Amino acid sequence: MGALLEVRNLKKYFKVNAGTLHAVDGVSFQIEERKTLGVVGESGCGKSTLGRVILHLLDSTDGQIFYRGEDITKVDRKKLSELRQEMQIIFQDPFSSLNPRMTVYQTIAEPMQIHSTVSKKEIPDRVMELMDTVGLAERFVNTYPHELDGGRRQRIGIARALALNPKFIVCDEPVSALDVSIQAQVLNLMQDIQESMNLTYIFITHDLSVVKYISDSIMVMYLGQMVEMATSEELFAAPKHPYTEALLSALPVPDIDSPKKRILLKGELTSPIDPKPGCRFAPRCPRACKECREKEPELREIGPGHFVRCPYV
């Protein structure tokens, strides 16, 4: 099974009053077909920006994006329209991502109408089929988003993303706005859909428990850079980067007889605006030395599929 998506040295910078914001800075990875890559990190590390650049919702500053071996970094409108049918997104907020003036039927039918993937006569049946797939009762077909709860709204977003039979979906924190019990339902639904439709996911989240449950491999980001990447099992069993170790130490352990040692990070965050040379995690890293503050560490493969951006691993 080959790589469906490959990203090489991808960068996205924004011009701001204080300088240049390095939102995504030299990220490289690949995802195999039918697999899920989890992307984790604290708020502002560039997770959502990365997903939007891959889907061309934002233009990249530098780097390359390959889909099925084809370079799609720069594409014209015709090619972008074709890619929209293969690559979709599920947004974080299930309320603001839906048009409040459109019913459930209109929301799910709209992509099919725009891209003419099915005939007008077939659209009603296809909408009902998608509603059934995501677990939305037929009685909700003419309801509006404000009449539904968060779980049902997110199911509409999932149905809309599936309307064009895509092969790749960016899931941008799709369960973070939902109650825990509803989160489990939506996660199980997404796994079932992935298996039945042979989908490939990038699953963006800040919830480590969620990412462990759904991901085959996990990428940890810090201030626009990938600091570690490994399979889900290996990352949780043997994290190598000090930032990953600190993140995992914050997970609660359901055993009062085996308390977990919490790693508390000290120091100030490096500014992502025109960052100085050196490791961006150095001001908060307990292992940092003078060299770390002067020279940016390279991303190294320390084992099969296990990458770490730290010279002391």
C-alpha atoms as a PDB file:
ATOM      1  CA  MET A   1       0.000   0.000   0.000  1.00  0.00           C
ATOM      2  CA  GLY A   2       1.698   3.222  -1.185  1.00  0.00           C
ATOM      3  CA  ALA A   3       1.558   6.802   0.042  1.00  0.00           C
ATOM      4  CA  LEU A   4      -1.637   8.621  -0.866  1.00  0.00           C
ATOM      5  CA  LEU A   5      -0.308  11.988   0.298  1.00  0.00           C
ATOM      6  CA  GLU A   6       3.248  13.247   0.694  1.00  0.00           C
ATOM      7  CA  VAL A   7       4.321  16.645   2.004  1.00  0.00           C
ATOM      8  CA  ARG A   8       7.878  17.911   1.577  1.00  0.00           C
ATOM      9  CA  ASN A   9       9.283  20.856   3.531  1.00  0.00           C
ATOM     10  CA  LEU A  10       5.912  22.618   3.567  1.00  0.00           C
ATOM     11  CA  LYS A  11       5.880  26.206   4.812  1.00  0.00           C
ATOM     12  CA  LYS A  12       3.179  28.789   5.435  1.00  0.00           C
ATOM     13  CA  TYR A  13       4.135  32.289   6.575  1.00  0.00           C
ATOM     14  CA  PHE A  14       1.866  35.240   7.306  1.00  0.00           C
ATOM     15  CA  LYS A  15       2.880  38.882   7.173  1.00  0.00           C
ATOM     16  CA  VAL A  16       1.934  40.659  10.409  1.00  0.00           C
ATOM     17  CA  ASN A  17       2.709  44.089  11.796  1.00  0.00           C
ATOM     18  CA  ALA A  18       5.593  42.775  13.912  1.00  0.00           C
ATOM     19  CA  GLY A  19       7.198  40.773  11.080  1.00  0.00           C
ATOM     20  CA  THR A  20       6.618  37.333   9.547  1.00  0.00           C
ATOM     21  CA  LEU A  21       4.638  34.691  11.408  1.00  0.00           C
ATOM     22  CA  HIS A  22       6.013  31.180  10.775  1.00  0.00           C
ATOM     23  CA  ALA A  23       2.768  29.203  11.155  1.00  0.00           C
ATOM     24  CA  VAL A  24       4.036  26.055   9.388  1.00  0.00           C
ATOM     25  CA  ASP A  25       7.787  25.827   8.964  1.00  0.00           C
ATOM     26  CA  GLY A  26       9.360  22.956   7.042  1.00  0.00           C
ATOM     27  CA  VAL A  27       6.969  20.059   7.723  1.00  0.00           C
ATOM     28  CA  SER A  28       7.510  16.770   5.859  1.00  0.00           C
ATOM     29  CA  PHE A  29       5.553  13.517   6.109  1.00  0.00           C
ATOM     30  CA  GLN A  30       3.568  10.968   4.124  1.00  0.00           C
ATOM     31  CA  ILE A  31       0.354   9.003   4.716  1.00  0.00           C
ATOM     32  CA  GLU A  32      -0.461   5.601   3.323  1.00  0.00           C
ATOM     33  CA  GLU A  33      -3.871   4.861   1.875  1.00  0.00           C
ATOM     34  CA  ARG A  34      -6.608   3.906   4.370  1.00  0.00           C
ATOM     35  CA  LYS A  35      -4.490   5.069   7.315  1.00  0.00           C
ATOM     36  CA  THR A  36      -5.003   7.835   9.889  1.00  0.00           C
ATOM     37  CA  LEU A  37      -2.289  10.328  10.784  1.00  0.00           C
ATOM     38  CA  GLY A  38      -2.975  12.133  14.054  1.00  0.00           C
ATOM     39  CA  VAL A  39      -1.583  15.645  14.471  1.00  0.00           C
ATOM     40  CA  VAL A  40      -1.260  16.935  18.035  1.00  0.00           C
ATOM     41  CA  GLY A  41       0.196  19.950  19.793  1.00  0.00           C
ATOM     42  CA  GLU A  42      -0.877  22.909  21.876  1.00  0.00           C
ATOM     43  CA  SER A  43      -3.013  25.736  20.499  1.00  0.00           C
ATOM     44  CA  GLY A  44      -1.190  27.878  17.954  1.00  0.00           C
ATOM     45  CA  CYS A  45       1.312  25.222  16.857  1.00  0.00           C
ATOM     46  CA  GLY A  46       0.059  25.257  13.249  1.00  0.00           C
ATOM     47  CA  LYS A  47      -2.058  22.067  13.147  1.00  0.00           C
ATOM     48  CA  SER A  48      -5.128  23.572  11.478  1.00  0.00           C
ATOM     49  CA  THR A  49      -3.044  25.773   9.176  1.00  0.00           C
ATOM     50  CA  LEU A  50      -1.219  22.660   7.955  1.00  0.00           C
ATOM     51  CA  GLY A  51      -4.504  20.966   7.070  1.00  0.00           C
ATOM     52  CA  ARG A  52      -5.825  24.018   5.260  1.00  0.00           C
ATOM     53  CA  VAL A  53      -2.643  24.440   3.209  1.00  0.00           C
ATOM     54  CA  ILE A  54      -2.772  20.789   2.105  1.00  0.00           C
ATOM     55  CA  LEU A  55      -6.353  21.306   0.890  1.00  0.00           C
ATOM     56  CA  HIS A  56      -5.511  24.642  -0.794  1.00  0.00           C
ATOM     57  CA  LEU A  57      -7.824  26.589   1.476  1.00  0.00           C
ATOM     58  CA  LEU A  58      -4.624  28.553   2.094  1.00  0.00           C
ATOM     59  CA  ASP A  59      -1.753  28.953  -0.382  1.00  0.00           C
ATOM     60  CA  SER A  60       1.608  27.539   0.679  1.00  0.00           C
ATOM     61  CA  THR A  61       4.661  29.788   1.011  1.00  0.00           C
ATOM     62  CA  ASP A  62       7.138  27.063   0.051  1.00  0.00           C
ATOM     63  CA  GLY A  63       7.472  23.301  -0.172  1.00  0.00           C
ATOM     64  CA  GLN A  64       5.648  20.613  -2.154  1.00  0.00           C
ATOM     65  CA  ILE A  65       2.433  18.608  -1.826  1.00  0.00           C
ATOM     66  CA  PHE A  66       2.026  15.314  -3.697  1.00  0.00           C
ATOM     67  CA  TYR A  67      -1.290  13.487  -4.039  1.00  0.00           C
ATOM     68  CA  ARG A  68      -1.177  10.018  -5.611  1.00  0.00           C
ATOM     69  CA  GLY A  69       2.350  10.849  -6.771  1.00  0.00           C
ATOM     70  CA  GLU A  70       1.252  14.033  -8.573  1.00  0.00           C
ATOM     71  CA  ASP A  71       2.597  17.435  -7.544  1.00  0.00           C
ATOM     72  CA  ILE A  72      -0.461  19.521  -6.572  1.00  0.00           C
ATOM     73  CA  THR A  73       1.420  22.387  -4.898  1.00  0.00           C
ATOM     74  CA  LYS A  74       0.298  24.850  -7.564  1.00  0.00           C
ATOM     75  CA  VAL A  75      -2.869  24.014  -9.471  1.00  0.00           C
ATOM     76  CA  ASP A  76      -5.300  25.870 -11.729  1.00  0.00           C
ATOM     77  CA  ARG A  77      -9.021  26.237 -11.011  1.00  0.00           C
ATOM     78  CA  LYS A  78      -9.985  23.216 -13.117  1.00  0.00           C
ATOM     79  CA  LYS A  79      -7.547  20.931 -11.320  1.00  0.00           C
ATOM     80  CA  LEU A  80      -8.553  22.374  -7.952  1.00  0.00           C
ATOM     81  CA  SER A  81     -12.203  21.567  -8.711  1.00  0.00           C
ATOM     82  CA  GLU A  82     -11.186  17.971  -9.438  1.00  0.00           C
ATOM     83  CA  LEU A  83      -9.208  17.791  -6.188  1.00  0.00           C
ATOM     84  CA  ARG A  84     -12.200  19.052  -4.213  1.00  0.00           C
ATOM     85  CA  GLN A  85     -13.979  15.811  -5.108  1.00  0.00           C
ATOM     86  CA  GLU A  86     -11.081  13.724  -3.747  1.00  0.00           C
ATOM     87  CA  MET A  87     -10.019  15.840  -0.760  1.00  0.00           C
ATOM     88  CA  GLN A  88     -12.467  17.160   1.839  1.00  0.00           C
ATOM     89  CA  ILE A  89     -12.510  18.642   5.354  1.00  0.00           C
ATOM     90  CA  ILE A  90     -14.600  18.249   8.500  1.00  0.00           C
ATOM     91  CA  PHE A  91     -14.455  21.496  10.457  1.00  0.00           C
ATOM     92  CA  GLN A  92     -14.023  21.916  14.189  1.00  0.00           C
ATOM     93  CA  ASP A  93     -17.163  23.884  15.017  1.00  0.00           C
ATOM     94  CA  PRO A  94     -20.269  22.009  13.823  1.00  0.00           C
ATOM     95  CA  PHE A  95     -22.399  25.160  14.121  1.00  0.00           C
ATOM     96  CA  SER A  96     -20.377  27.941  12.499  1.00  0.00           C
ATOM     97  CA  SER A  97     -19.293  25.644   9.623  1.00  0.00           C
ATOM     98  CA  LEU A  98     -22.923  25.155   8.543  1.00  0.00           C
ATOM     99  CA  ASN A  99     -25.037  27.733   6.712  1.00  0.00           C
ATOM    100  CA  PRO A 100     -27.855  28.648   9.154  1.00  0.00           C
ATOM    101  CA  ARG A 101     -30.199  29.376   6.221  1.00  0.00           C
ATOM    102  CA  MET A 102     -29.849  25.934   4.674  1.00  0.00           C
ATOM    103  CA  THR A 103     -31.684  22.797   5.760  1.00  0.00           C
ATOM    104  CA  VAL A 104     -29.972  19.459   6.297  1.00  0.00           C
ATOM    105  CA  TYR A 105     -31.055  18.382   2.809  1.00  0.00           C
ATOM    106  CA  GLN A 106     -29.740  21.555   1.139  1.00  0.00           C
ATOM    107  CA  THR A 107     -26.405  21.356   2.977  1.00  0.00           C
ATOM    108  CA  ILE A 108     -25.697  17.766   1.948  1.00  0.00           C
ATOM    109  CA  ALA A 109     -27.020  18.209  -1.596  1.00  0.00           C
ATOM    110  CA  GLU A 110     -25.050  21.382  -2.374  1.00  0.00           C
ATOM    111  CA  PRO A 111     -21.669  19.729  -3.201  1.00  0.00           C
ATOM    112  CA  MET A 112     -23.385  17.291  -5.583  1.00  0.00           C
ATOM    113  CA  GLN A 113     -25.203  20.153  -7.291  1.00  0.00           C
ATOM    114  CA  ILE A 114     -22.023  22.206  -7.707  1.00  0.00           C
ATOM    115  CA  HIS A 115     -19.902  19.353  -9.076  1.00  0.00           C
ATOM    116  CA  SER A 116     -22.729  17.536 -10.917  1.00  0.00           C
ATOM    117  CA  THR A 117     -21.526  14.168  -9.622  1.00  0.00           C
ATOM    118  CA  VAL A 118     -25.043  12.720  -9.777  1.00  0.00           C
ATOM    119  CA  SER A 119     -28.151  13.659 -11.738  1.00  0.00           C
ATOM    120  CA  LYS A 120     -30.816  15.910 -10.229  1.00  0.00           C
ATOM    121  CA  LYS A 121     -33.197  12.961  -9.949  1.00  0.00           C
ATOM    122  CA  GLU A 122     -30.645  10.926  -8.000  1.00  0.00           C
ATOM    123  CA  ILE A 123     -29.741  13.644  -5.479  1.00  0.00           C
ATOM    124  CA  PRO A 124     -32.695  13.035  -3.067  1.00  0.00           C
ATOM    125  CA  ASP A 125     -31.867   9.326  -2.813  1.00  0.00           C
ATOM    126  CA  ARG A 126     -28.178  10.092  -2.364  1.00  0.00           C
ATOM    127  CA  VAL A 127     -28.922  12.596   0.429  1.00  0.00           C
ATOM    128  CA  MET A 128     -31.059  10.025   2.257  1.00  0.00           C
ATOM    129  CA  GLU A 129     -28.336   7.429   1.805  1.00  0.00           C
ATOM    130  CA  LEU A 130     -25.727   9.755   3.330  1.00  0.00           C
ATOM    131  CA  MET A 131     -28.015  10.664   6.238  1.00  0.00           C
ATOM    132  CA  ASP A 132     -28.454   6.971   6.944  1.00  0.00           C
ATOM    133  CA  THR A 133     -24.680   6.428   6.711  1.00  0.00           C
ATOM    134  CA  VAL A 134     -23.924   9.042   9.383  1.00  0.00           C
ATOM    135  CA  GLY A 135     -26.857   8.072  11.596  1.00  0.00           C
ATOM    136  CA  LEU A 136     -29.202  10.997  10.946  1.00  0.00           C
ATOM    137  CA  ALA A 137     -32.893  10.101  11.049  1.00  0.00           C
ATOM    138  CA  GLU A 138     -34.946  10.918   7.953  1.00  0.00           C
ATOM    139  CA  ARG A 139     -37.206  13.203   9.993  1.00  0.00           C
ATOM    140  CA  PHE A 140     -34.380  15.761  10.240  1.00  0.00           C
ATOM    141  CA  VAL A 141     -34.142  16.260   6.474  1.00  0.00           C
ATOM    142  CA  ASN A 142     -35.880  19.662   6.501  1.00  0.00           C
ATOM    143  CA  THR A 143     -34.522  20.967   9.815  1.00  0.00           C
ATOM    144  CA  TYR A 144     -32.040  23.826  10.237  1.00  0.00           C
ATOM    145  CA  PRO A 145     -28.742  23.669  12.184  1.00  0.00           C
ATOM    146  CA  HIS A 146     -30.037  25.690  15.155  1.00  0.00           C
ATOM    147  CA  GLU A 147     -32.764  23.089  15.705  1.00  0.00           C
ATOM    148  CA  LEU A 148     -30.232  20.285  16.274  1.00  0.00           C
ATOM    149  CA  ASP A 149     -27.708  19.419  18.974  1.00  0.00           C
ATOM    150  CA  GLY A 150     -23.939  19.435  18.450  1.00  0.00           C
ATOM    151  CA  GLY A 151     -23.631  15.742  17.691  1.00  0.00           C
ATOM    152  CA  ARG A 152     -26.236  15.848  14.923  1.00  0.00           C
ATOM    153  CA  ARG A 153     -24.710  19.027  13.478  1.00  0.00           C
ATOM    154  CA  GLN A 154     -21.323  17.329  13.252  1.00  0.00           C
ATOM    155  CA  ARG A 155     -22.963  14.365  11.522  1.00  0.00           C
ATOM    156  CA  ILE A 156     -24.253  16.823   8.904  1.00  0.00           C
ATOM    157  CA  GLY A 157     -20.677  18.072   8.432  1.00  0.00           C
ATOM    158  CA  ILE A 158     -19.469  14.495   7.986  1.00  0.00           C
ATOM    159  CA  ALA A 159     -22.257  13.728   5.484  1.00  0.00           C
ATOM    160  CA  ARG A 160     -21.386  16.866   3.516  1.00  0.00           C
ATOM    161  CA  ALA A 161     -17.718  15.825   3.418  1.00  0.00           C
ATOM    162  CA  LEU A 162     -18.724  12.381   2.113  1.00  0.00           C
ATOM    163  CA  ALA A 163     -21.113  13.707  -0.546  1.00  0.00           C
ATOM    164  CA  LEU A 164     -18.518  13.631  -3.339  1.00  0.00           C
ATOM    165  CA  ASN A 165     -17.066  10.206  -2.422  1.00  0.00           C
ATOM    166  CA  PRO A 166     -13.636  11.559  -1.394  1.00  0.00           C
ATOM    167  CA  LYS A 167     -10.568   9.460  -0.670  1.00  0.00           C
ATOM    168  CA  PHE A 168      -8.828  11.851   1.745  1.00  0.00           C
ATOM    169  CA  ILE A 169     -10.349  13.909   4.587  1.00  0.00           C
ATOM    170  CA  VAL A 170      -8.766  16.435   6.941  1.00  0.00           C
ATOM    171  CA  CYS A 171     -10.590  16.147  10.272  1.00  0.00           C
ATOM    172  CA  ASP A 172      -9.921  19.442  12.042  1.00  0.00           C
ATOM    173  CA  GLU A 173     -10.724  18.717  15.709  1.00  0.00           C
ATOM    174  CA  PRO A 174     -14.111  17.261  14.706  1.00  0.00           C
ATOM    175  CA  VAL A 175     -15.104  16.184  18.239  1.00  0.00           C
ATOM    176  CA  SER A 176     -13.567  18.906  20.437  1.00  0.00           C
ATOM    177  CA  ALA A 177     -16.837  20.871  20.652  1.00  0.00           C
ATOM    178  CA  LEU A 178     -18.897  17.818  21.623  1.00  0.00           C
ATOM    179  CA  ASP A 179     -19.742  16.180  24.950  1.00  0.00           C
ATOM    180  CA  VAL A 180     -17.630  13.139  25.849  1.00  0.00           C
ATOM    181  CA  SER A 181     -20.437  10.630  25.240  1.00  0.00           C
ATOM    182  CA  ILE A 182     -21.168  12.177  21.830  1.00  0.00           C
ATOM    183  CA  GLN A 183     -17.434  12.223  21.026  1.00  0.00           C
ATOM    184  CA  ALA A 184     -17.304   8.436  21.317  1.00  0.00           C
ATOM    185  CA  GLN A 185     -20.280   8.045  18.968  1.00  0.00           C
ATOM    186  CA  VAL A 186     -18.764  10.327  16.320  1.00  0.00           C
ATOM    187  CA  LEU A 187     -15.309   8.700  16.573  1.00  0.00           C
ATOM    188  CA  ASN A 188     -16.803   5.233  16.136  1.00  0.00           C
ATOM    189  CA  LEU A 189     -18.859   6.509  13.208  1.00  0.00           C
ATOM    190  CA  MET A 190     -15.747   7.941  11.535  1.00  0.00           C
ATOM    191  CA  GLN A 191     -13.856   4.679  11.970  1.00  0.00           C
ATOM    192  CA  ASP A 192     -16.746   2.672  10.501  1.00  0.00           C
ATOM    193  CA  ILE A 193     -16.983   5.058   7.522  1.00  0.00           C
ATOM    194  CA  GLN A 194     -13.221   4.893   6.984  1.00  0.00           C
ATOM    195  CA  GLU A 195     -13.324   1.117   6.833  1.00  0.00           C
ATOM    196  CA  SER A 196     -16.371   0.921   4.544  1.00  0.00           C
ATOM    197  CA  MET A 197     -15.267   3.686   2.146  1.00  0.00           C
ATOM    198  CA  ASN A 198     -11.467   3.099   2.251  1.00  0.00           C
ATOM    199  CA  LEU A 199     -10.759   6.634   3.453  1.00  0.00           C
ATOM    200  CA  THR A 200      -7.493   8.243   4.526  1.00  0.00           C
ATOM    201  CA  TYR A 201      -7.578  10.750   7.407  1.00  0.00           C
ATOM    202  CA  ILE A 202      -5.460  13.504   8.866  1.00  0.00           C
ATOM    203  CA  PHE A 203      -6.954  13.818  12.346  1.00  0.00           C
ATOM    204  CA  ILE A 204      -6.071  17.124  14.023  1.00  0.00           C
ATOM    205  CA  THR A 205      -6.677  17.349  17.762  1.00  0.00           C
ATOM    206  CA  HIS A 206      -5.287  18.502  21.093  1.00  0.00           C
ATOM    207  CA  ASP A 207      -6.809  15.537  22.922  1.00  0.00           C
ATOM    208  CA  LEU A 208      -4.175  12.832  23.345  1.00  0.00           C
ATOM    209  CA  SER A 209      -6.696  10.169  24.385  1.00  0.00           C
ATOM    210  CA  VAL A 210      -8.687  10.741  21.204  1.00  0.00           C
ATOM    211  CA  VAL A 211      -5.648  10.693  18.930  1.00  0.00           C
ATOM    212  CA  LYS A 212      -4.379   7.432  20.463  1.00  0.00           C
ATOM    213  CA  TYR A 213      -7.775   5.810  19.890  1.00  0.00           C
ATOM    214  CA  ILE A 214      -8.179   6.693  16.219  1.00  0.00           C
ATOM    215  CA  SER A 215      -4.658   7.118  14.766  1.00  0.00           C
ATOM    216  CA  ASP A 216      -2.242   4.668  13.143  1.00  0.00           C
ATOM    217  CA  SER A 217       0.641   7.130  13.467  1.00  0.00           C
ATOM    218  CA  ILE A 218       0.996  10.446  15.287  1.00  0.00           C
ATOM    219  CA  MET A 219       2.855  13.671  14.491  1.00  0.00           C
ATOM    220  CA  VAL A 220       3.657  16.079  17.320  1.00  0.00           C
ATOM    221  CA  MET A 221       3.971  19.750  16.343  1.00  0.00           C
ATOM    222  CA  TYR A 222       5.519  22.635  18.240  1.00  0.00           C
ATOM    223  CA  LEU A 223       5.476  26.230  16.942  1.00  0.00           C
ATOM    224  CA  GLY A 224       5.065  25.252  13.305  1.00  0.00           C
ATOM    225  CA  GLN A 225       7.551  22.368  13.244  1.00  0.00           C
ATOM    226  CA  MET A 226       7.253  18.618  13.557  1.00  0.00           C
ATOM    227  CA  VAL A 227       9.252  17.561  16.635  1.00  0.00           C
ATOM    228  CA  GLU A 228       8.362  13.851  16.677  1.00  0.00           C
ATOM    229  CA  MET A 229       6.499  11.297  14.594  1.00  0.00           C
ATOM    230  CA  ALA A 230       5.960   7.588  15.197  1.00  0.00           C
ATOM    231  CA  THR A 231       3.308   4.904  15.238  1.00  0.00           C
ATOM    232  CA  SER A 232       0.618   5.453  17.854  1.00  0.00           C
ATOM    233  CA  GLU A 233       1.780   2.498  19.956  1.00  0.00           C
ATOM    234  CA  GLU A 234       5.446   3.495  19.888  1.00  0.00           C
ATOM    235  CA  LEU A 235       4.853   7.157  20.622  1.00  0.00           C
ATOM    236  CA  PHE A 236       2.821   6.420  23.739  1.00  0.00           C
ATOM    237  CA  ALA A 237       5.104   3.587  24.881  1.00  0.00           C
ATOM    238  CA  ALA A 238       8.451   5.311  24.300  1.00  0.00           C
ATOM    239  CA  PRO A 239       8.260   9.064  23.581  1.00  0.00           C
ATOM    240  CA  LYS A 240      11.686  10.532  22.821  1.00  0.00           C
ATOM    241  CA  HIS A 241      11.323  14.303  22.416  1.00  0.00           C
ATOM    242  CA  PRO A 242      11.100  16.215  25.736  1.00  0.00           C
ATOM    243  CA  TYR A 243       8.009  18.067  24.521  1.00  0.00           C
ATOM    244  CA  THR A 244       6.233  14.789  23.706  1.00  0.00           C
ATOM    245  CA  GLU A 245       7.209  13.429  27.115  1.00  0.00           C
ATOM    246  CA  ALA A 246       5.714  16.507  28.789  1.00  0.00           C
ATOM    247  CA  LEU A 247       2.487  16.215  26.787  1.00  0.00           C
ATOM    248  CA  LEU A 248       2.014  12.549  27.649  1.00  0.00           C
ATOM    249  CA  SER A 249       2.787  13.155  31.326  1.00  0.00           C
ATOM    250  CA  ALA A 250      -0.344  15.330  31.500  1.00  0.00           C
ATOM    251  CA  LEU A 251      -2.610  12.377  30.680  1.00  0.00           C
ATOM    252  CA  PRO A 252      -4.512  11.216  33.784  1.00  0.00           C
ATOM    253  CA  VAL A 253      -3.884   7.661  34.987  1.00  0.00           C
ATOM    254  CA  PRO A 254      -6.977   5.786  36.274  1.00  0.00           C
ATOM    255  CA  ASP A 255      -5.005   4.122  39.071  1.00  0.00           C
ATOM    256  CA  ILE A 256      -4.547   5.866  42.430  1.00  0.00           C
ATOM    257  CA  ASP A 257      -1.891   3.339  43.458  1.00  0.00           C
ATOM    258  CA  SER A 258       0.329   4.199  40.478  1.00  0.00           C
ATOM    259  CA  PRO A 259       0.590   7.988  40.366  1.00  0.00           C
ATOM    260  CA  LYS A 260       2.199   9.403  37.251  1.00  0.00           C
ATOM    261  CA  LYS A 261       5.031  11.900  37.501  1.00  0.00           C
ATOM    262  CA  ARG A 262       3.969  15.144  35.868  1.00  0.00           C
ATOM    263  CA  ILE A 263       6.575  17.032  33.822  1.00  0.00           C
ATOM    264  CA  LEU A 264       5.993  20.755  34.314  1.00  0.00           C
ATOM    265  CA  LEU A 265       7.471  22.937  31.600  1.00  0.00           C
ATOM    266  CA  LYS A 266       9.042  26.206  32.682  1.00  0.00           C
ATOM    267  CA  GLY A 267      10.295  29.183  30.714  1.00  0.00           C
ATOM    268  CA  GLU A 268       8.701  31.355  28.057  1.00  0.00           C
ATOM    269  CA  LEU A 269       7.372  30.421  24.638  1.00  0.00           C
ATOM    270  CA  THR A 270       9.554  31.287  21.671  1.00  0.00           C
ATOM    271  CA  SER A 271       7.843  33.827  19.442  1.00  0.00           C
ATOM    272  CA  PRO A 272       6.720  32.341  16.094  1.00  0.00           C
ATOM    273  CA  ILE A 273       7.266  35.788  14.552  1.00  0.00           C
ATOM    274  CA  ASP A 274      10.701  35.777  12.895  1.00  0.00           C
ATOM    275  CA  PRO A 275      12.033  33.087  15.285  1.00  0.00           C
ATOM    276  CA  LYS A 276      15.735  33.215  16.105  1.00  0.00           C
ATOM    277  CA  PRO A 277      18.118  30.385  15.114  1.00  0.00           C
ATOM    278  CA  GLY A 278      18.118  27.409  17.431  1.00  0.00           C
ATOM    279  CA  CYS A 279      15.617  24.902  18.803  1.00  0.00           C
ATOM    280  CA  ARG A 280      12.222  26.536  19.358  1.00  0.00           C
ATOM    281  CA  PHE A 281      11.603  24.375  22.394  1.00  0.00           C
ATOM    282  CA  ALA A 282      14.965  25.229  24.019  1.00  0.00           C
ATOM    283  CA  PRO A 283      13.644  27.955  26.404  1.00  0.00           C
ATOM    284  CA  ARG A 284      11.323  25.364  28.001  1.00  0.00           C
ATOM    285  CA  CYS A 285      13.474  22.233  27.593  1.00  0.00           C
ATOM    286  CA  PRO A 286      15.149  20.665  30.662  1.00  0.00           C
ATOM    287  CA  ARG A 287      17.890  19.180  28.437  1.00  0.00           C
ATOM    288  CA  ALA A 288      18.735  22.315  26.453  1.00  0.00           C
ATOM    289  CA  CYS A 289      22.343  23.481  26.220  1.00  0.00           C
ATOM    290  CA  LYS A 290      24.105  26.375  24.520  1.00  0.00           C
ATOM    291  CA  GLU A 291      24.232  24.558  21.173  1.00  0.00           C
ATOM    292  CA  CYS A 292      20.439  24.050  21.227  1.00  0.00           C
ATOM    293  CA  ARG A 293      19.918  27.801  21.517  1.00  0.00           C
ATOM    294  CA  GLU A 294      22.258  28.577  18.621  1.00  0.00           C
ATOM    295  CA  LYS A 295      21.652  25.808  16.080  1.00  0.00           C
ATOM    296  CA  GLU A 296      18.345  24.367  14.906  1.00  0.00           C
ATOM    297  CA  PRO A 297      18.299  20.571  15.359  1.00  0.00           C
ATOM    298  CA  GLU A 298      17.645  18.361  12.349  1.00  0.00           C
ATOM    299  CA  LEU A 299      14.793  15.886  12.101  1.00  0.00           C
ATOM    300  CA  ARG A 300      16.369  12.417  12.389  1.00  0.00           C
ATOM    301  CA  GLU A 301      14.999   8.914  11.934  1.00  0.00           C
ATOM    302  CA  ILE A 302      16.024   7.027  15.088  1.00  0.00           C
ATOM    303  CA  GLY A 303      14.074   3.885  14.191  1.00  0.00           C
ATOM    304  CA  PRO A 304      11.797   2.587  11.441  1.00  0.00           C
ATOM    305  CA  GLY A 305       9.217   5.353  10.958  1.00  0.00           C
ATOM    306  CA  HIS A 306      10.223   7.129  14.201  1.00  0.00           C
ATOM    307  CA  PHE A 307      11.429  10.707  13.607  1.00  0.00           C
ATOM    308  CA  VAL A 308      12.658  13.108  16.300  1.00  0.00           C
ATOM    309  CA  ARG A 309      13.930  16.692  16.168  1.00  0.00           C
ATOM    310  CA  CYS A 310      16.386  16.530  19.089  1.00  0.00           C
ATOM    311  CA  PRO A 311      20.206  15.937  19.074  1.00  0.00           C
ATOM    312  CA  TYR A 312      20.186  14.184  22.457  1.00  0.00           C
ATOM    313  CA  VAL A 313      17.927  11.267  21.495  1.00  0.00           C
END
